[in-house]
Amino acid sequence: MVSPAKEDPVPPAFLADRQGRYGIQTAPAMGEQTAALVQGLPVPAALAAVGVRAEDVSPLRPGLGATA
């Protein structure tokens, strides 16, 4: 997931990629989580129940080069 810099005139964009060959299996969960991120909602309950944490899927997590 990527978010542009504050000064970027383009609105934030979310990109879900690199799901590899298991993408067909993980796409429903990725879609649900992406929708929550876009809307500023917490991690969906079904995903939180299996250990997904907000900091694990944040577009601002270390190593992505994204900015707030």
PDB file of N, CA and C in Angstrom:
ATOM      1  N   MET A   1       0.838  -1.154   0.000  1.00  0.00           N
ATOM      2  CA  MET A   1       0.000   0.000   0.000  1.00  0.00           C
ATOM      3  C   MET A   1       0.895   1.232   0.000  1.00  0.00           C
ATOM      4  N   VAL A   2       0.506   2.214  -0.766  1.00  0.00           N
ATOM      5  CA  VAL A   2       1.349   3.386  -0.909  1.00  0.00           C
ATOM      6  C   VAL A   2       0.519   4.644  -0.728  1.00  0.00           C
ATOM      7  N   SER A   3       1.071   5.611  -0.055  1.00  0.00           N
ATOM      8  CA  SER A   3       0.429   6.906   0.107  1.00  0.00           C
ATOM      9  C   SER A   3       1.445   7.972  -0.288  1.00  0.00           C
ATOM     10  N   PRO A   4       1.057   8.936  -1.121  1.00  0.00           N
ATOM     11  CA  PRO A   4       2.015   9.955  -1.554  1.00  0.00           C
ATOM     12  C   PRO A   4       2.330  10.962  -0.452  1.00  0.00           C
ATOM     13  N   ALA A   5       3.354  11.757  -0.678  1.00  0.00           N
ATOM     14  CA  ALA A   5       3.736  12.802   0.266  1.00  0.00           C
ATOM     15  C   ALA A   5       2.632  13.853   0.360  1.00  0.00           C
ATOM     16  N   LYS A   6       2.593  14.574   1.484  1.00  0.00           N
ATOM     17  CA  LYS A   6       1.558  15.588   1.700  1.00  0.00           C
ATOM     18  C   LYS A   6       1.522  16.631   0.591  1.00  0.00           C
ATOM     19  N   GLU A   7       2.685  17.021   0.103  1.00  0.00           N
ATOM     20  CA  GLU A   7       2.727  18.078  -0.904  1.00  0.00           C
ATOM     21  C   GLU A   7       2.365  17.586  -2.306  1.00  0.00           C
ATOM     22  N   ASP A   8       2.180  16.306  -2.465  1.00  0.00           N
ATOM     23  CA  ASP A   8       1.817  15.740  -3.760  1.00  0.00           C
ATOM     24  C   ASP A   8       0.383  16.139  -4.105  1.00  0.00           C
ATOM     25  N   PRO A   9       0.139  16.732  -5.275  1.00  0.00           N
ATOM     26  CA  PRO A   9      -1.210  17.166  -5.639  1.00  0.00           C
ATOM     27  C   PRO A   9      -2.163  16.018  -5.973  1.00  0.00           C
ATOM     28  N   VAL A  10      -1.629  14.839  -6.130  1.00  0.00           N
ATOM     29  CA  VAL A  10      -2.460  13.684  -6.463  1.00  0.00           C
ATOM     30  C   VAL A  10      -3.022  13.093  -5.166  1.00  0.00           C
ATOM     31  N   PRO A  11      -4.318  12.785  -5.131  1.00  0.00           N
ATOM     32  CA  PRO A  11      -4.870  12.198  -3.903  1.00  0.00           C
ATOM     33  C   PRO A  11      -4.230  10.848  -3.601  1.00  0.00           C
ATOM     34  N   PRO A  12      -4.259  10.434  -2.338  1.00  0.00           N
ATOM     35  CA  PRO A  12      -3.651   9.153  -1.972  1.00  0.00           C
ATOM     36  C   PRO A  12      -4.213   7.995  -2.794  1.00  0.00           C
ATOM     37  N   ALA A  13      -3.349   7.082  -3.116  1.00  0.00           N
ATOM     38  CA  ALA A  13      -3.751   5.896  -3.866  1.00  0.00           C
ATOM     39  C   ALA A  13      -3.369   4.664  -3.060  1.00  0.00           C
ATOM     40  N   PHE A  14      -4.167   3.645  -3.150  1.00  0.00           N
ATOM     41  CA  PHE A  14      -3.869   2.383  -2.485  1.00  0.00           C
ATOM     42  C   PHE A  14      -3.656   1.333  -3.557  1.00  0.00           C
ATOM     43  N   LEU A  15      -2.575   0.618  -3.417  1.00  0.00           N
ATOM     44  CA  LEU A  15      -2.229  -0.419  -4.372  1.00  0.00           C
ATOM     45  C   LEU A  15      -1.956  -1.704  -3.604  1.00  0.00           C
ATOM     46  N   ALA A  16      -2.669  -2.725  -3.934  1.00  0.00           N
ATOM     47  CA  ALA A  16      -2.448  -4.028  -3.307  1.00  0.00           C
ATOM     48  C   ALA A  16      -1.830  -4.930  -4.369  1.00  0.00           C
ATOM     49  N   ASP A  17      -0.559  -5.222  -4.198  1.00  0.00           N
ATOM     50  CA  ASP A  17       0.110  -6.067  -5.184  1.00  0.00           C
ATOM     51  C   ASP A  17       1.019  -7.065  -4.487  1.00  0.00           C
ATOM     52  N   ARG A  18       1.747  -7.791  -5.274  1.00  0.00           N
ATOM     53  CA  ARG A  18       2.716  -8.778  -4.788  1.00  0.00           C
ATOM     54  C   ARG A  18       2.074  -9.867  -3.939  1.00  0.00           C
ATOM     55  N   GLN A  19       0.924 -10.314  -4.362  1.00  0.00           N
ATOM     56  CA  GLN A  19       0.279 -11.400  -3.641  1.00  0.00           C
ATOM     57  C   GLN A  19       0.759 -12.761  -4.130  1.00  0.00           C
ATOM     58  N   GLY A  20       1.530 -12.748  -5.189  1.00  0.00           N
ATOM     59  CA  GLY A  20       2.109 -13.994  -5.673  1.00  0.00           C
ATOM     60  C   GLY A  20       1.071 -15.001  -6.132  1.00  0.00           C
ATOM     61  N   ARG A  21       1.476 -16.227  -6.174  1.00  0.00           N
ATOM     62  CA  ARG A  21       0.580 -17.255  -6.701  1.00  0.00           C
ATOM     63  C   ARG A  21      -0.567 -17.594  -5.761  1.00  0.00           C
ATOM     64  N   TYR A  22      -0.519 -17.089  -4.540  1.00  0.00           N
ATOM     65  CA  TYR A  22      -1.615 -17.325  -3.605  1.00  0.00           C
ATOM     66  C   TYR A  22      -2.622 -16.176  -3.611  1.00  0.00           C
ATOM     67  N   GLY A  23      -2.451 -15.235  -4.508  1.00  0.00           N
ATOM     68  CA  GLY A  23      -3.331 -14.074  -4.574  1.00  0.00           C
ATOM     69  C   GLY A  23      -4.795 -14.428  -4.726  1.00  0.00           C
ATOM     70  N   ILE A  24      -5.090 -15.457  -5.476  1.00  0.00           N
ATOM     71  CA  ILE A  24      -6.486 -15.849  -5.672  1.00  0.00           C
ATOM     72  C   ILE A  24      -7.107 -16.302  -4.351  1.00  0.00           C
ATOM     73  N   GLN A  25      -6.285 -16.834  -3.464  1.00  0.00           N
ATOM     74  CA  GLN A  25      -6.786 -17.279  -2.165  1.00  0.00           C
ATOM     75  C   GLN A  25      -6.839 -16.142  -1.148  1.00  0.00           C
ATOM     76  N   THR A  26      -5.910 -15.212  -1.244  1.00  0.00           N
ATOM     77  CA  THR A  26      -5.838 -14.134  -0.255  1.00  0.00           C
ATOM     78  C   THR A  26      -6.582 -12.874  -0.674  1.00  0.00           C
ATOM     79  N   ALA A  27      -7.036 -12.812  -1.920  1.00  0.00           N
ATOM     80  CA  ALA A  27      -7.688 -11.603  -2.430  1.00  0.00           C
ATOM     81  C   ALA A  27      -8.902 -11.161  -1.608  1.00  0.00           C
ATOM     82  N   PRO A  28      -9.774 -12.056  -1.160  1.00  0.00           N
ATOM     83  CA  PRO A  28     -10.915 -11.584  -0.364  1.00  0.00           C
ATOM     84  C   PRO A  28     -10.486 -10.871   0.923  1.00  0.00           C
ATOM     85  N   ALA A  29      -9.521 -11.430   1.628  1.00  0.00           N
ATOM     86  CA  ALA A  29      -9.048 -10.796   2.861  1.00  0.00           C
ATOM     87  C   ALA A  29      -8.316  -9.495   2.547  1.00  0.00           C
ATOM     88  N   MET A  30      -7.509  -9.494   1.493  1.00  0.00           N
ATOM     89  CA  MET A  30      -6.795  -8.278   1.108  1.00  0.00           C
ATOM     90  C   MET A  30      -7.781  -7.185   0.718  1.00  0.00           C
ATOM     91  N   GLY A  31      -8.830  -7.550   0.012  1.00  0.00           N
ATOM     92  CA  GLY A  31      -9.849  -6.577  -0.370  1.00  0.00           C
ATOM     93  C   GLY A  31     -10.561  -5.995   0.835  1.00  0.00           C
ATOM     94  N   GLU A  32     -10.893  -6.849   1.788  1.00  0.00           N
ATOM     95  CA  GLU A  32     -11.571  -6.392   3.006  1.00  0.00           C
ATOM     96  C   GLU A  32     -10.671  -5.447   3.800  1.00  0.00           C
ATOM     97  N   GLN A  33      -9.395  -5.807   3.918  1.00  0.00           N
ATOM     98  CA  GLN A  33      -8.464  -4.960   4.671  1.00  0.00           C
ATOM     99  C   GLN A  33      -8.207  -3.650   3.937  1.00  0.00           C
ATOM    100  N   THR A  34      -8.053  -3.707   2.631  1.00  0.00           N
ATOM    101  CA  THR A  34      -7.820  -2.489   1.857  1.00  0.00           C
ATOM    102  C   THR A  34      -9.004  -1.537   1.978  1.00  0.00           C
ATOM    103  N   ALA A  35     -10.211  -2.067   1.908  1.00  0.00           N
ATOM    104  CA  ALA A  35     -11.406  -1.231   2.063  1.00  0.00           C
ATOM    105  C   ALA A  35     -11.417  -0.550   3.430  1.00  0.00           C
ATOM    106  N   ALA A  36     -11.026  -1.275   4.463  1.00  0.00           N
ATOM    107  CA  ALA A  36     -10.972  -0.689   5.809  1.00  0.00           C
ATOM    108  C   ALA A  36      -9.924   0.422   5.869  1.00  0.00           C
ATOM    109  N   LEU A  37      -8.759   0.196   5.283  1.00  0.00           N
ATOM    110  CA  LEU A  37      -7.709   1.220   5.278  1.00  0.00           C
ATOM    111  C   LEU A  37      -8.164   2.480   4.553  1.00  0.00           C
ATOM    112  N   VAL A  38      -8.772   2.306   3.391  1.00  0.00           N
ATOM    113  CA  VAL A  38      -9.217   3.442   2.590  1.00  0.00           C
ATOM    114  C   VAL A  38     -10.243   4.277   3.357  1.00  0.00           C
ATOM    115  N   GLN A  39     -11.091   3.608   4.117  1.00  0.00           N
ATOM    116  CA  GLN A  39     -12.139   4.300   4.861  1.00  0.00           C
ATOM    117  C   GLN A  39     -11.694   4.760   6.246  1.00  0.00           C
ATOM    118  N   GLY A  40     -10.458   4.444   6.609  1.00  0.00           N
ATOM    119  CA  GLY A  40      -9.957   4.833   7.922  1.00  0.00           C
ATOM    120  C   GLY A  40     -10.542   4.014   9.059  1.00  0.00           C
ATOM    121  N   LEU A  41     -10.949   2.797   8.752  1.00  0.00           N
ATOM    122  CA  LEU A  41     -11.544   1.910   9.750  1.00  0.00           C
ATOM    123  C   LEU A  41     -10.490   0.983  10.344  1.00  0.00           C
ATOM    124  N   PRO A  42     -10.772   0.398  11.498  1.00  0.00           N
ATOM    125  CA  PRO A  42      -9.820  -0.551  12.085  1.00  0.00           C
ATOM    126  C   PRO A  42      -9.770  -1.851  11.286  1.00  0.00           C
ATOM    127  N   VAL A  43      -8.818  -2.678  11.631  1.00  0.00           N
ATOM    128  CA  VAL A  43      -8.704  -4.000  11.002  1.00  0.00           C
ATOM    129  C   VAL A  43     -10.030  -4.733  11.210  1.00  0.00           C
ATOM    130  N   PRO A  44     -10.607  -5.294  10.146  1.00  0.00           N
ATOM    131  CA  PRO A  44     -11.860  -6.032  10.297  1.00  0.00           C
ATOM    132  C   PRO A  44     -11.731  -7.154  11.332  1.00  0.00           C
ATOM    133  N   ALA A  45     -12.802  -7.397  12.059  1.00  0.00           N
ATOM    134  CA  ALA A  45     -12.793  -8.366  13.159  1.00  0.00           C
ATOM    135  C   ALA A  45     -12.309  -9.748  12.726  1.00  0.00           C
ATOM    136  N   ALA A  46     -12.740 -10.210  11.566  1.00  0.00           N
ATOM    137  CA  ALA A  46     -12.333 -11.548  11.112  1.00  0.00           C
ATOM    138  C   ALA A  46     -10.823 -11.621  10.892  1.00  0.00           C
ATOM    139  N   LEU A  47     -10.227 -10.539  10.448  1.00  0.00           N
ATOM    140  CA  LEU A  47      -8.780 -10.527  10.226  1.00  0.00           C
ATOM    141  C   LEU A  47      -8.030 -10.343  11.545  1.00  0.00           C
ATOM    142  N   ALA A  48      -8.563  -9.497  12.411  1.00  0.00           N
ATOM    143  CA  ALA A  48      -7.944  -9.309  13.726  1.00  0.00           C
ATOM    144  C   ALA A  48      -7.952 -10.621  14.510  1.00  0.00           C
ATOM    145  N   ALA A  49      -8.993 -11.409  14.317  1.00  0.00           N
ATOM    146  CA  ALA A  49      -9.113 -12.686  15.036  1.00  0.00           C
ATOM    147  C   ALA A  49      -8.012 -13.675  14.666  1.00  0.00           C
ATOM    148  N   VAL A  50      -7.424 -13.501  13.485  1.00  0.00           N
ATOM    149  CA  VAL A  50      -6.338 -14.401  13.078  1.00  0.00           C
ATOM    150  C   VAL A  50      -4.976 -13.721  13.187  1.00  0.00           C
ATOM    151  N   GLY A  51      -4.940 -12.581  13.892  1.00  0.00           N
ATOM    152  CA  GLY A  51      -3.661 -11.963  14.209  1.00  0.00           C
ATOM    153  C   GLY A  51      -3.217 -10.794  13.359  1.00  0.00           C
ATOM    154  N   VAL A  52      -4.042 -10.334  12.429  1.00  0.00           N
ATOM    155  CA  VAL A  52      -3.661  -9.168  11.629  1.00  0.00           C
ATOM    156  C   VAL A  52      -3.756  -7.932  12.515  1.00  0.00           C
ATOM    157  N   ARG A  53      -2.690  -7.147  12.533  1.00  0.00           N
ATOM    158  CA  ARG A  53      -2.645  -5.929  13.341  1.00  0.00           C
ATOM    159  C   ARG A  53      -2.551  -4.718  12.421  1.00  0.00           C
ATOM    160  N   ALA A  54      -3.084  -3.597  12.867  1.00  0.00           N
ATOM    161  CA  ALA A  54      -3.071  -2.373  12.061  1.00  0.00           C
ATOM    162  C   ALA A  54      -1.653  -1.994  11.648  1.00  0.00           C
ATOM    163  N   GLU A  55      -0.694  -2.131  12.550  1.00  0.00           N
ATOM    164  CA  GLU A  55       0.682  -1.744  12.220  1.00  0.00           C
ATOM    165  C   GLU A  55       1.311  -2.656  11.165  1.00  0.00           C
ATOM    166  N   ASP A  56       0.772  -3.852  10.999  1.00  0.00           N
ATOM    167  CA  ASP A  56       1.292  -4.771   9.983  1.00  0.00           C
ATOM    168  C   ASP A  56       0.862  -4.388   8.575  1.00  0.00           C
ATOM    169  N   VAL A  57      -0.241  -3.692   8.463  1.00  0.00           N
ATOM    170  CA  VAL A  57      -0.786  -3.363   7.143  1.00  0.00           C
ATOM    171  C   VAL A  57      -0.799  -1.863   6.867  1.00  0.00           C
ATOM    172  N   SER A  58      -0.238  -1.090   7.761  1.00  0.00           N
ATOM    173  CA  SER A  58      -0.225   0.362   7.592  1.00  0.00           C
ATOM    174  C   SER A  58       0.628   0.769   6.397  1.00  0.00           C
ATOM    175  N   PRO A  59       0.132   1.703   5.577  1.00  0.00           N
ATOM    176  CA  PRO A  59       0.970   2.200   4.481  1.00  0.00           C
ATOM    177  C   PRO A  59       2.156   3.015   4.998  1.00  0.00           C
ATOM    178  N   LEU A  60       2.157   3.328   6.284  1.00  0.00           N
ATOM    179  CA  LEU A  60       3.250   4.102   6.880  1.00  0.00           C
ATOM    180  C   LEU A  60       4.238   3.221   7.637  1.00  0.00           C
ATOM    181  N   ARG A  61       4.114   1.896   7.517  1.00  0.00           N
ATOM    182  CA  ARG A  61       5.022   1.023   8.257  1.00  0.00           C
ATOM    183  C   ARG A  61       6.448   1.173   7.725  1.00  0.00           C
ATOM    184  N   PRO A  62       7.422   0.953   8.591  1.00  0.00           N
ATOM    185  CA  PRO A  62       8.831   1.122   8.205  1.00  0.00           C
ATOM    186  C   PRO A  62       9.200   0.282   6.980  1.00  0.00           C
ATOM    187  N   GLY A  63      10.034   0.861   6.159  1.00  0.00           N
ATOM    188  CA  GLY A  63      10.554   0.141   5.009  1.00  0.00           C
ATOM    189  C   GLY A  63       9.809   0.380   3.711  1.00  0.00           C
ATOM    190  N   LEU A  64       8.653   1.031   3.768  1.00  0.00           N
ATOM    191  CA  LEU A  64       7.896   1.261   2.539  1.00  0.00           C
ATOM    192  C   LEU A  64       8.228   2.592   1.886  1.00  0.00           C
ATOM    193  N   GLY A  65       8.810   3.497   2.645  1.00  0.00           N
ATOM    194  CA  GLY A  65       9.154   4.800   2.089  1.00  0.00           C
ATOM    195  C   GLY A  65       7.966   5.732   1.959  1.00  0.00           C
ATOM    196  N   ALA A  66       6.813   5.351   2.504  1.00  0.00           N
ATOM    197  CA  ALA A  66       5.630   6.209   2.441  1.00  0.00           C
ATOM    198  C   ALA A  66       5.721   7.287   3.505  1.00  0.00           C
ATOM    199  N   THR A  67       4.997   8.363   3.284  1.00  0.00           N
ATOM    200  CA  THR A  67       4.957   9.453   4.252  1.00  0.00           C
ATOM    201  C   THR A  67       3.523   9.760   4.614  1.00  0.00           C
ATOM    202  N   ALA A  68       3.356  10.389   5.756  1.00  0.00           N
ATOM    203  CA  ALA A  68       1.998  10.740   6.215  1.00  0.00           C
ATOM    204  C   ALA A  68       1.450  11.905   5.433  1.00  0.00           C
TER     205      ALA A  68
END
